[in-house]
Amino acid sequence: MRTIDAHFHVWRQADLAWLVGPMQPRIFGPYEAIRRDYPMSEYKAEASAAGVEKAVYVQANWPVDRAEAEVAWVETVALETGWPHAIVAYADMTVADVRPALDRLARYPRVRGVRQQFHWHENALYRFAADPDLCRRRAVQANVARLADYGWSFDLQVFADQMPGAAELARACQHVPFILQHAGMLEDTSPTGWTRWRDSMALLSKEPNVYAKLSGLGTFMHRNDEDHIARVIQETVAAFGPQRCLWGSNFPIEKLWTDYAALLGAHRRAVSQLATKLSAGAAAAALAVFHGTASRVYRL
């Protein structure tokens, strides 16, 4: 099956403070095993063995003043190895005018979009942004809208309670494709949590420029749980449709509890199970989720 990995990272340990400094609590639990270089050669061997033909690098939280240096390094890696095929860079959308930063990033031909993590949670361990309502800020909306001038997308990372604001952001930036990270980051799997997430996903899916990335589904469980993956995928595809869903490995984070083949296999089985319920059929749904949507959205 033709497959694109729409979300992975490679890194040099020296570039990431959270890898080289004191151990910091992280959303994905203990991470001693990935406090090391994760080079393209290692990633490419794992992905290629699983049948992946292209991949999208997503920014890995280098120091914010080195956002361009991150892209420059990844471009060098791509020239040396042929991978990745696209880059999602970092830019601060909370500044008065993001265009100078975007102009610098535009010098790198593989850049296809920007990610700034907006997720905020009452649990400080799950919190990244300082403000839960960044999506509603006028400056943020104006800056994200400017991505359309570059032909770029925005990788949107929010929790369920933030999705009404995210829907407002998408409506304010109708010419920008939004890729919702990790299928909306379902962190509360109680009946109430599922209902809140499901309702929020349904609300966000009404915005036609929002896509859902089926990635990072082990983030809060710290395991490759096939039943959980199948349920999240079933409900996400029911809301967005396969033509607006795409798969990503989130490697090497998920490497903490699984291997690449097992992770991709769990997602493929989940899509094959739900595809029988779709009028488009199993083959068409799988082609969209594992290849077509990512190819279209990231212009691969």
Protein backbone atom coordinates (compact mmCIF):
# COMPACT_ATOMS: atom_id res chain seq x y z
CA MET A 1 0.00 0.00 0.00
CA ARG A 2 1.35 3.43 -0.93
CA THR A 3 2.00 5.23 2.35
CA ILE A 4 3.10 8.71 3.40
CA ASP A 5 4.16 9.44 6.98
CA ALA A 6 2.71 12.88 7.60
CA HIS A 7 4.32 13.43 11.02
CA PHE A 8 7.79 12.45 12.19
CA HIS A 9 10.91 14.01 13.69
CA VAL A 10 14.64 13.51 13.39
CA TRP A 11 17.02 15.30 15.72
CA ARG A 12 20.46 15.87 17.07
CA GLN A 13 20.49 15.65 20.83
CA ALA A 14 22.63 18.77 21.13
CA ASP A 15 19.89 20.93 19.58
CA LEU A 16 17.12 20.08 22.05
CA ALA A 17 17.39 21.38 25.60
CA TRP A 18 14.83 18.89 26.92
CA LEU A 19 17.06 16.07 25.68
CA VAL A 20 20.38 17.29 27.03
CA GLY A 21 19.35 19.07 30.24
CA PRO A 22 17.86 17.66 33.42
CA MET A 23 15.05 15.16 32.86
CA GLN A 24 11.80 17.08 32.56
CA PRO A 25 8.33 15.56 33.01
CA ARG A 26 6.81 15.07 29.58
CA ILE A 27 3.34 14.35 28.30
CA PHE A 28 4.52 10.99 26.91
CA GLY A 29 6.10 9.71 30.13
CA PRO A 30 9.70 8.59 30.77
CA TYR A 31 11.84 9.14 27.70
CA GLU A 32 15.37 8.01 28.53
CA ALA A 33 15.41 5.81 25.42
CA ILE A 34 15.14 8.78 23.05
CA ARG A 35 17.58 11.10 24.81
CA ARG A 36 20.02 10.57 21.96
CA ASP A 37 20.50 11.42 18.30
CA TYR A 38 17.72 10.09 16.09
CA PRO A 39 19.25 10.40 12.60
CA MET A 40 17.56 10.17 9.25
CA SER A 41 19.34 6.91 8.51
CA GLU A 42 17.59 5.24 11.46
CA TYR A 43 14.19 6.71 10.70
CA LYS A 44 14.45 5.93 6.98
CA ALA A 45 15.37 2.30 7.67
CA GLU A 46 12.33 1.86 9.92
CA ALA A 47 9.89 3.69 7.65
CA SER A 48 11.09 2.21 4.36
CA ALA A 49 10.89 -1.32 5.76
CA ALA A 50 7.21 -0.67 6.49
CA GLY A 51 6.54 0.48 2.92
CA VAL A 52 6.55 4.24 3.52
CA GLU A 53 7.59 6.15 0.40
CA LYS A 54 7.51 9.78 1.57
CA ALA A 55 7.54 11.66 4.87
CA VAL A 56 6.80 15.08 6.37
CA TYR A 57 9.10 16.44 9.08
CA VAL A 58 7.29 18.42 11.79
CA GLN A 59 9.20 20.89 13.97
CA ALA A 60 10.68 19.36 17.10
CA ASN A 61 10.75 22.35 19.47
CA TRP A 62 14.25 23.65 19.03
CA PRO A 63 14.78 26.91 20.96
CA VAL A 64 12.41 29.41 19.36
CA ASP A 65 15.23 31.75 18.35
CA ARG A 66 16.70 28.90 16.27
CA ALA A 67 13.57 28.07 14.26
CA GLU A 68 15.27 28.90 10.98
CA ALA A 69 18.37 26.91 11.97
CA GLU A 70 16.15 23.86 12.48
CA VAL A 71 14.76 24.15 8.96
CA ALA A 72 18.22 24.81 7.50
CA TRP A 73 19.56 21.64 9.12
CA VAL A 74 16.61 19.51 7.93
CA GLU A 75 17.05 20.87 4.40
CA THR A 76 20.68 19.77 4.56
CA VAL A 77 19.59 16.31 5.69
CA ALA A 78 17.14 16.16 2.78
CA LEU A 79 19.84 17.09 0.28
CA GLU A 80 22.07 14.34 1.66
CA THR A 81 19.48 11.57 1.96
CA GLY A 82 16.44 12.51 -0.15
CA TRP A 83 14.26 12.60 2.99
CA PRO A 84 12.12 14.34 4.21
CA HIS A 85 9.96 15.44 1.32
CA ALA A 86 8.30 18.33 3.16
CA ILE A 87 8.91 20.37 6.32
CA VAL A 88 6.51 21.92 8.81
CA ALA A 89 8.47 24.70 10.49
CA TYR A 90 8.00 26.78 13.62
CA ALA A 91 6.98 30.44 13.66
CA ASP A 92 5.52 32.50 16.49
CA MET A 93 1.99 33.50 15.54
CA THR A 94 1.54 35.67 18.63
CA VAL A 95 3.86 38.46 17.45
CA ALA A 96 2.58 41.66 15.85
CA ASP A 97 3.62 40.59 12.34
CA VAL A 98 4.92 37.12 11.53
CA ARG A 99 5.82 37.92 7.93
CA PRO A 100 9.54 38.59 8.51
CA ALA A 101 9.88 35.12 10.03
CA LEU A 102 7.87 33.55 7.21
CA ASP A 103 10.02 35.33 4.63
CA ARG A 104 13.12 33.75 6.14
CA LEU A 105 11.51 30.30 6.14
CA ALA A 106 10.37 30.73 2.54
CA ARG A 107 13.98 30.46 1.39
CA TYR A 108 13.81 26.72 2.06
CA PRO A 109 11.96 24.90 -0.72
CA ARG A 110 10.61 21.99 1.35
CA VAL A 111 8.67 24.15 3.82
CA ARG A 112 4.95 23.51 3.44
CA GLY A 113 3.55 24.93 6.63
CA VAL A 114 3.96 26.01 10.24
CA ARG A 115 3.22 24.48 13.60
CA GLN A 116 2.97 26.40 16.85
CA GLN A 117 1.53 24.26 19.63
CA PHE A 118 -1.50 25.95 21.14
CA HIS A 119 -2.58 23.15 23.45
CA TRP A 120 -3.41 24.18 27.01
CA HIS A 121 -4.75 22.00 29.80
CA GLU A 122 -5.61 22.37 33.47
CA ASN A 123 -3.08 19.60 34.10
CA ALA A 124 0.27 21.39 33.94
CA LEU A 125 1.96 18.26 32.60
CA TYR A 126 -0.26 18.45 29.51
CA ARG A 127 0.11 22.21 29.09
CA PHE A 128 2.26 23.77 26.38
CA ALA A 129 0.77 27.20 25.61
CA ALA A 130 0.53 29.93 28.22
CA ASP A 131 -3.00 30.90 27.17
CA PRO A 132 -5.89 28.51 26.41
CA ASP A 133 -7.46 30.96 23.95
CA LEU A 134 -4.62 31.76 21.57
CA CYS A 135 -6.85 30.79 18.65
CA ARG A 136 -9.15 33.70 19.45
CA ARG A 137 -6.47 36.39 19.54
CA ARG A 138 -6.77 38.87 16.68
CA ALA A 139 -3.02 38.95 16.12
CA VAL A 140 -2.88 35.16 15.91
CA GLN A 141 -5.76 35.06 13.44
CA ALA A 142 -4.15 37.74 11.29
CA ASN A 143 -0.79 35.98 11.29
CA VAL A 144 -2.18 32.54 10.52
CA ALA A 145 -4.23 34.02 7.68
CA ARG A 146 -0.96 35.30 6.15
CA LEU A 147 0.14 31.71 5.57
CA ALA A 148 -2.17 31.71 2.55
CA ASP A 149 0.16 34.19 0.82
CA TYR A 150 2.91 31.56 0.99
CA GLY A 151 0.68 28.63 0.05
CA TRP A 152 1.29 27.08 3.47
CA SER A 153 -0.82 25.17 5.97
CA PHE A 154 -1.03 25.38 9.77
CA ASP A 155 -0.59 22.32 11.97
CA LEU A 156 -3.11 22.93 14.75
CA GLN A 157 -2.56 21.34 18.16
CA VAL A 158 -5.35 21.82 20.70
CA PHE A 159 -7.40 19.86 23.22
CA ALA A 160 -11.16 19.30 22.95
CA ASP A 161 -12.09 22.26 25.15
CA GLN A 162 -10.14 24.56 22.82
CA MET A 163 -11.83 23.39 19.63
CA PRO A 164 -14.56 26.05 19.58
CA GLY A 165 -11.80 28.66 19.46
CA ALA A 166 -9.97 26.60 16.85
CA ALA A 167 -13.11 26.58 14.71
CA GLU A 168 -13.19 30.38 14.93
CA LEU A 169 -9.56 30.50 13.83
CA ALA A 170 -10.29 28.25 10.85
CA ARG A 171 -13.23 30.43 9.81
CA ALA A 172 -11.06 33.54 10.06
CA CYS A 173 -8.43 31.92 7.80
CA GLN A 174 -10.54 30.18 5.17
CA HIS A 175 -7.71 30.05 2.62
CA VAL A 176 -5.36 28.21 4.98
CA PRO A 177 -5.53 24.43 5.38
CA PHE A 178 -5.46 23.38 9.05
CA ILE A 179 -4.14 19.94 10.04
CA LEU A 180 -5.41 18.96 13.49
CA GLN A 181 -2.60 17.19 15.31
CA HIS A 182 -3.01 13.78 16.92
CA ALA A 183 -6.75 13.55 16.17
CA GLY A 184 -7.51 16.22 18.75
CA MET A 185 -5.40 14.81 21.58
CA LEU A 186 -7.97 12.70 23.43
CA GLU A 187 -6.51 12.68 26.93
CA ASP A 188 -9.62 11.77 28.97
CA THR A 189 -10.99 8.36 28.02
CA SER A 190 -13.79 8.37 30.58
CA PRO A 191 -17.33 8.36 29.11
CA THR A 192 -17.53 12.10 29.76
CA GLY A 193 -14.16 12.66 28.12
CA TRP A 194 -15.11 10.72 25.01
CA THR A 195 -18.36 12.67 24.69
CA ARG A 196 -16.61 16.03 25.07
CA TRP A 197 -13.96 15.09 22.50
CA ARG A 198 -16.52 13.65 20.06
CA ASP A 199 -18.74 16.75 20.23
CA SER A 200 -15.76 19.06 19.81
CA MET A 201 -14.46 17.08 16.83
CA ALA A 202 -17.89 17.25 15.21
CA LEU A 203 -17.88 21.03 15.68
CA LEU A 204 -14.41 21.44 14.22
CA SER A 205 -15.13 19.13 11.29
CA LYS A 206 -17.78 21.58 10.07
CA GLU A 207 -14.93 23.85 8.93
CA PRO A 208 -14.06 22.53 5.44
CA ASN A 209 -10.43 23.69 5.63
CA VAL A 210 -9.66 21.51 8.69
CA TYR A 211 -8.09 18.06 8.29
CA ALA A 212 -7.43 15.47 11.01
CA LYS A 213 -4.06 13.78 11.48
CA LEU A 214 -4.28 10.24 12.87
CA SER A 215 -1.07 10.34 14.88
CA GLY A 216 0.20 10.31 18.45
CA LEU A 217 -2.62 8.07 19.67
CA GLY A 218 -0.36 6.45 22.24
CA THR A 219 0.68 9.78 23.77
CA PHE A 220 -1.46 9.54 26.90
CA MET A 221 -1.71 5.74 27.14
CA HIS A 222 2.01 5.06 26.58
CA ARG A 223 1.27 1.95 24.53
CA ASN A 224 0.20 0.85 21.07
CA ASP A 225 -3.39 0.03 22.03
CA GLU A 226 -5.17 -1.35 18.95
CA ASP A 227 -8.66 -1.04 20.42
CA HIS A 228 -8.08 2.60 21.34
CA ILE A 229 -6.57 3.36 17.94
CA ALA A 230 -9.50 1.72 16.16
CA ARG A 231 -12.07 3.66 18.16
CA VAL A 232 -10.35 7.04 17.69
CA ILE A 233 -9.94 6.42 13.97
CA GLN A 234 -13.53 5.24 13.56
CA GLU A 235 -14.93 8.35 15.21
CA THR A 236 -12.50 10.76 13.56
CA VAL A 237 -13.16 9.41 10.07
CA ALA A 238 -16.89 9.45 10.78
CA ALA A 239 -16.62 13.18 11.53
CA PHE A 240 -14.16 14.27 8.86
CA GLY A 241 -14.41 11.59 6.18
CA PRO A 242 -11.37 9.74 4.81
CA GLN A 243 -10.59 12.50 2.30
CA ARG A 244 -9.83 14.82 5.23
CA CYS A 245 -7.84 12.36 7.35
CA LEU A 246 -4.15 11.50 7.13
CA TRP A 247 -1.77 9.23 9.01
CA GLY A 248 1.46 10.12 10.85
CA SER A 249 3.82 7.99 12.92
CA ASN A 250 4.91 10.59 15.48
CA PHE A 251 8.26 8.79 15.54
CA PRO A 252 10.49 8.59 17.48
CA ILE A 253 8.10 9.46 20.34
CA GLU A 254 5.98 6.34 19.79
CA LYS A 255 9.21 4.36 19.60
CA LEU A 256 9.12 4.53 23.39
CA TRP A 257 6.46 1.80 23.48
CA THR A 258 6.26 0.20 20.04
CA ASP A 259 8.05 -0.31 16.74
CA TYR A 260 7.24 1.28 13.42
CA ALA A 261 5.74 -1.79 11.73
CA ALA A 262 3.46 -2.56 14.68
CA LEU A 263 2.29 1.06 14.86
CA LEU A 264 1.50 1.31 11.16
CA GLY A 265 -0.10 -2.13 11.22
CA ALA A 266 -2.50 -1.09 14.00
CA HIS A 267 -3.60 1.95 12.01
CA ARG A 268 -3.99 -0.02 8.79
CA ARG A 269 -6.17 -2.62 10.50
CA ALA A 270 -8.30 0.12 12.08
CA VAL A 271 -8.89 1.76 8.70
CA SER A 272 -9.72 -1.58 7.06
CA GLN A 273 -12.30 -2.26 9.77
CA LEU A 274 -14.11 1.03 9.40
CA ALA A 275 -13.82 1.17 5.62
CA THR A 276 -16.52 -1.48 5.25
CA LYS A 277 -18.93 1.08 6.69
CA LEU A 278 -17.99 3.74 4.14
CA SER A 279 -19.63 4.02 0.77
CA ALA A 280 -16.25 4.73 -0.80
CA GLY A 281 -15.03 1.23 0.09
CA ALA A 282 -11.97 -0.06 1.89
CA ALA A 283 -9.38 0.54 -0.84
CA ALA A 284 -10.41 4.15 -1.45
CA ALA A 285 -10.53 4.97 2.26
CA ALA A 286 -7.09 3.48 2.90
CA LEU A 287 -5.60 5.28 -0.11
CA ALA A 288 -6.93 8.60 1.19
CA VAL A 289 -5.81 8.14 4.80
CA PHE A 290 -2.37 6.71 4.08
CA HIS A 291 -1.48 8.60 0.93
CA GLY A 292 -3.91 10.87 -0.87
CA THR A 293 -4.79 13.41 1.82
CA ALA A 294 -1.20 13.98 2.93
CA SER A 295 -0.04 14.21 -0.68
CA ARG A 296 -2.67 16.87 -1.41
CA VAL A 297 -2.42 18.91 1.79
CA TYR A 298 1.38 18.98 1.99
CA ARG A 299 1.81 19.14 -1.82
CA LEU A 300 4.06 16.10 -2.09
